[in-house]
């Protein structure tokens, strides 16, 4: 079984992106019965889609778990839904869509096909703060989640797709300027973020294997 874990390159004011770092760290590792392929995507609507779609068609993964940075989040957020809209930027190619559909012929939204509640509960059991999130935004994170779900639906691939937002790492937060009420942005150690993504992958694999047995 092959699992894609996708992350993003640094962009804008961020010279470091924990989502891309986790994808690189997990690349080539074996989790349960699966081997992880880490993909680090550019923060570019056009190029991220091309790289992702080509990789899905070439490798036909059973699981795709996207990871993205959410600068002011306090915990790991497991996304429930991706919506068919691009409204954010500019991306690194200076493209700034406003209220544009990702696919004019696609459905308004897709739900994640991973066990989001089980993942959140397992993360919390392991001392990692986590919540179900009902908005992945309208920038590249939502875009990648929607593109993956839409593509596997169109191709009728048996692939589970989900997306997780992660906070700044502790080192990132320490380098930031003070914000509201003199506080630094919330953060989490990179090792804990990586452990959280690994647990999420384990839960998705576990659900797939349980269904296969029945």
Protein backbone atom coordinates (compact mmCIF):
# COMPACT_ATOMS: atom_id res chain seq x y z
CA UNK A 1 0.00 0.00 0.00
CA UNK A 2 1.30 3.46 -0.84
CA UNK A 3 0.45 6.62 1.08
CA UNK A 4 1.03 10.16 -0.15
CA UNK A 5 1.76 12.77 2.50
CA UNK A 6 1.82 16.18 0.84
CA UNK A 7 3.15 19.43 2.28
CA UNK A 8 4.08 22.86 0.97
CA UNK A 9 7.26 24.78 0.32
CA UNK A 10 7.96 27.98 2.27
CA UNK A 11 6.29 31.06 0.79
CA UNK A 12 5.64 34.74 1.40
CA UNK A 13 6.93 35.85 4.78
CA UNK A 14 7.44 32.25 5.91
CA UNK A 15 11.00 31.01 5.32
CA UNK A 16 10.09 27.60 6.74
CA UNK A 17 7.01 25.41 6.37
CA UNK A 18 6.46 22.53 8.81
CA UNK A 19 4.04 20.82 6.41
CA UNK A 20 6.77 20.40 3.78
CA UNK A 21 9.27 19.40 6.45
CA UNK A 22 6.98 16.62 7.73
CA UNK A 23 6.41 15.36 4.16
CA UNK A 24 10.19 15.18 3.66
CA UNK A 25 10.77 13.47 7.02
CA UNK A 26 8.14 10.81 6.37
CA UNK A 27 9.19 10.18 2.74
CA UNK A 28 10.29 6.55 2.31
CA UNK A 29 9.21 5.50 5.80
CA UNK A 30 7.02 2.47 6.44
CA UNK A 31 3.92 3.00 8.60
CA UNK A 32 2.00 -0.18 9.34
CA UNK A 33 1.51 -1.97 6.02
CA UNK A 34 2.18 1.14 3.93
CA UNK A 35 5.13 2.98 2.47
CA UNK A 36 5.00 6.77 2.55
CA UNK A 37 5.81 8.96 -0.42
CA UNK A 38 6.31 12.57 0.67
CA UNK A 39 5.44 15.27 -1.86
CA UNK A 40 6.44 18.89 -1.24
CA UNK A 41 4.25 21.13 -3.39
CA UNK A 42 4.86 24.73 -4.46
CA UNK A 43 2.38 27.31 -3.16
CA UNK A 44 1.15 27.68 -6.75
CA UNK A 45 -2.37 26.83 -7.89
CA UNK A 46 -1.28 25.68 -11.36
CA UNK A 47 1.95 23.85 -10.51
CA UNK A 48 0.68 22.19 -7.33
CA UNK A 49 -2.26 20.70 -9.24
CA UNK A 50 -0.07 19.42 -12.08
CA UNK A 51 2.44 17.78 -9.72
CA UNK A 52 -0.29 16.24 -7.56
CA UNK A 53 -2.43 14.88 -10.42
CA UNK A 54 0.57 13.43 -12.28
CA UNK A 55 1.80 11.73 -9.09
CA UNK A 56 -1.66 10.28 -8.32
CA UNK A 57 -1.94 8.82 -11.83
CA UNK A 58 1.61 7.46 -11.77
CA UNK A 59 1.45 5.81 -8.34
CA UNK A 60 -2.25 5.23 -7.60
CA UNK A 61 -1.88 5.66 -3.80
CA UNK A 62 -4.53 4.16 -1.50
CA UNK A 63 -4.29 7.18 0.80
CA UNK A 64 -3.57 10.87 0.22
CA UNK A 65 -3.10 12.99 3.33
CA UNK A 66 -2.42 16.65 2.68
CA UNK A 67 -0.76 18.79 5.34
CA UNK A 68 -0.67 22.58 5.46
CA UNK A 69 0.38 25.38 7.81
CA UNK A 70 -2.31 27.41 9.56
CA UNK A 71 -0.33 30.21 11.26
CA UNK A 72 -2.72 31.05 14.11
CA UNK A 73 -4.14 27.64 14.88
CA UNK A 74 -3.56 26.27 18.37
CA UNK A 75 -3.72 22.55 17.54
CA UNK A 76 -3.88 19.97 14.77
CA UNK A 77 -7.03 20.54 12.67
CA UNK A 78 -8.47 17.61 10.74
CA UNK A 79 -10.50 19.02 7.86
CA UNK A 80 -14.01 17.78 7.12
CA UNK A 81 -14.72 19.43 3.75
CA UNK A 82 -13.13 20.97 0.65
CA UNK A 83 -15.10 23.56 -1.32
CA UNK A 84 -15.01 24.39 -5.03
CA UNK A 85 -13.63 27.91 -4.77
CA UNK A 86 -10.31 29.73 -5.08
CA UNK A 87 -10.28 33.04 -3.25
CA UNK A 88 -6.87 33.85 -1.87
CA UNK A 89 -3.38 34.83 -2.78
CA UNK A 90 -1.32 35.88 -4.49
CA UNK A 91 0.43 32.53 -4.81
CA UNK A 92 4.16 32.35 -5.61
CA UNK A 93 3.36 32.85 -9.31
CA UNK A 94 1.48 36.06 -8.42
CA UNK A 95 -1.88 34.53 -9.28
CA UNK A 96 -4.70 35.89 -7.12
CA UNK A 97 -8.09 34.35 -7.92
CA UNK A 98 -11.23 36.00 -6.55
CA UNK A 99 -14.33 33.81 -6.09
CA UNK A 100 -13.22 31.46 -8.90
CA UNK A 101 -14.30 27.82 -9.07
CA UNK A 102 -11.53 25.22 -8.90
CA UNK A 103 -13.47 23.28 -11.53
CA UNK A 104 -16.50 24.95 -13.14
CA UNK A 105 -17.98 21.48 -13.75
CA UNK A 106 -17.14 20.04 -10.34
CA UNK A 107 -19.46 19.67 -7.35
CA UNK A 108 -19.73 22.47 -4.80
CA UNK A 109 -17.85 20.46 -2.18
CA UNK A 110 -16.35 17.10 -1.22
CA UNK A 111 -16.20 15.57 2.23
CA UNK A 112 -12.91 14.03 3.38
CA UNK A 113 -12.91 10.26 2.96
CA UNK A 114 -10.73 9.58 5.99
CA UNK A 115 -12.05 8.80 9.50
CA UNK A 116 -11.75 12.35 10.80
CA UNK A 117 -13.34 11.77 14.22
CA UNK A 118 -11.30 8.64 14.92
CA UNK A 119 -8.13 10.52 14.02
CA UNK A 120 -8.97 13.42 16.35
CA UNK A 121 -9.80 11.06 19.23
CA UNK A 122 -6.58 9.06 18.72
CA UNK A 123 -4.50 12.24 18.61
CA UNK A 124 -6.04 13.46 21.86
CA UNK A 125 -5.46 10.04 23.46
CA UNK A 126 -1.78 10.54 22.63
CA UNK A 127 -1.68 13.98 24.24
CA UNK A 128 -1.80 15.91 20.96
CA UNK A 129 -4.40 18.71 20.88
CA UNK A 130 -6.69 18.18 17.88
CA UNK A 131 -10.10 19.21 16.56
CA UNK A 132 -12.36 18.59 13.58
CA UNK A 133 -12.33 21.70 11.39
CA UNK A 134 -15.20 22.61 9.09
CA UNK A 135 -13.28 25.05 6.89
CA UNK A 136 -10.00 24.43 5.09
CA UNK A 137 -10.09 28.03 3.86
CA UNK A 138 -10.07 29.12 0.20
CA UNK A 139 -6.33 29.14 -0.53
CA UNK A 140 -3.91 26.35 -1.49
CA UNK A 141 -4.77 23.95 1.34
CA UNK A 142 -8.43 23.75 0.36
CA UNK A 143 -7.37 23.72 -3.31
CA UNK A 144 -5.10 20.68 -2.94
CA UNK A 145 -7.70 18.82 -0.88
CA UNK A 146 -10.43 19.52 -3.45
CA UNK A 147 -8.20 18.67 -6.44
CA UNK A 148 -7.23 15.31 -4.92
CA UNK A 149 -10.81 14.37 -4.00
CA UNK A 150 -12.15 15.52 -7.39
CA UNK A 151 -9.48 13.67 -9.37
CA UNK A 152 -9.89 10.34 -7.58
CA UNK A 153 -13.68 10.69 -7.97
CA UNK A 154 -13.38 11.35 -11.72
CA UNK A 155 -10.97 8.44 -12.20
CA UNK A 156 -12.92 6.17 -9.83
CA UNK A 157 -9.73 5.39 -7.89
CA UNK A 158 -10.08 3.58 -4.58
CA UNK A 159 -8.17 6.29 -2.71
CA UNK A 160 -8.91 7.86 0.68
CA UNK A 161 -8.23 11.60 0.80
CA UNK A 162 -7.98 14.00 3.71
CA UNK A 163 -6.24 17.16 4.86
CA UNK A 164 -4.72 18.30 8.14
CA UNK A 165 -3.72 21.81 9.21
CA UNK A 166 -0.82 22.19 11.64
CA UNK A 167 0.41 25.15 13.75
CA UNK A 168 3.75 26.91 13.65
CA UNK A 169 6.63 24.92 15.12
CA UNK A 170 7.97 26.13 18.46
CA UNK A 171 11.13 27.44 16.74
CA UNK A 172 9.01 29.42 14.25
CA UNK A 173 6.92 31.00 16.98
CA UNK A 174 10.03 31.96 18.94
CA UNK A 175 11.29 33.97 15.94
CA UNK A 176 8.02 35.87 15.46
CA UNK A 177 7.21 39.36 16.64
CA UNK A 178 4.81 39.60 19.56
CA UNK A 179 1.19 39.76 18.50
CA UNK A 180 -2.12 40.45 20.24
CA UNK A 181 -1.65 41.37 23.92
CA UNK A 182 2.10 40.83 23.62
CA UNK A 183 1.78 37.09 22.98
CA UNK A 184 3.69 35.00 20.46
CA UNK A 185 1.66 32.88 18.00
CA UNK A 186 0.60 29.41 19.19
CA UNK A 187 2.94 26.58 18.28
CA UNK A 188 3.76 22.89 18.61
CA UNK A 189 7.13 21.06 18.51
CA UNK A 190 7.90 19.66 15.04
CA UNK A 191 8.37 16.19 16.54
CA UNK A 192 4.81 16.30 17.90
CA UNK A 193 3.43 17.48 14.55
CA UNK A 194 5.22 14.62 12.81
CA UNK A 195 3.92 12.14 15.39
CA UNK A 196 0.39 13.47 14.82
CA UNK A 197 0.59 12.94 11.06
CA UNK A 198 1.99 9.44 11.61
CA UNK A 199 -0.92 8.61 13.95
CA UNK A 200 -3.41 9.94 11.38
CA UNK A 201 -1.90 7.70 8.69
CA UNK A 202 -2.05 4.70 11.05
CA UNK A 203 -5.75 5.33 11.73
CA UNK A 204 -6.59 5.59 8.01
CA UNK A 205 -4.68 2.37 7.26
CA UNK A 206 -6.39 0.67 10.19
CA UNK A 207 -9.84 1.59 8.90
CA UNK A 208 -9.01 0.38 5.38
CA UNK A 209 -7.70 -2.95 6.68
CA UNK A 210 -10.71 -3.40 8.97
CA UNK A 211 -13.10 -2.87 6.06
CA UNK A 212 -11.07 -5.26 3.89
CA UNK A 213 -11.38 -8.00 6.51
CA UNK A 214 -15.15 -7.64 6.46
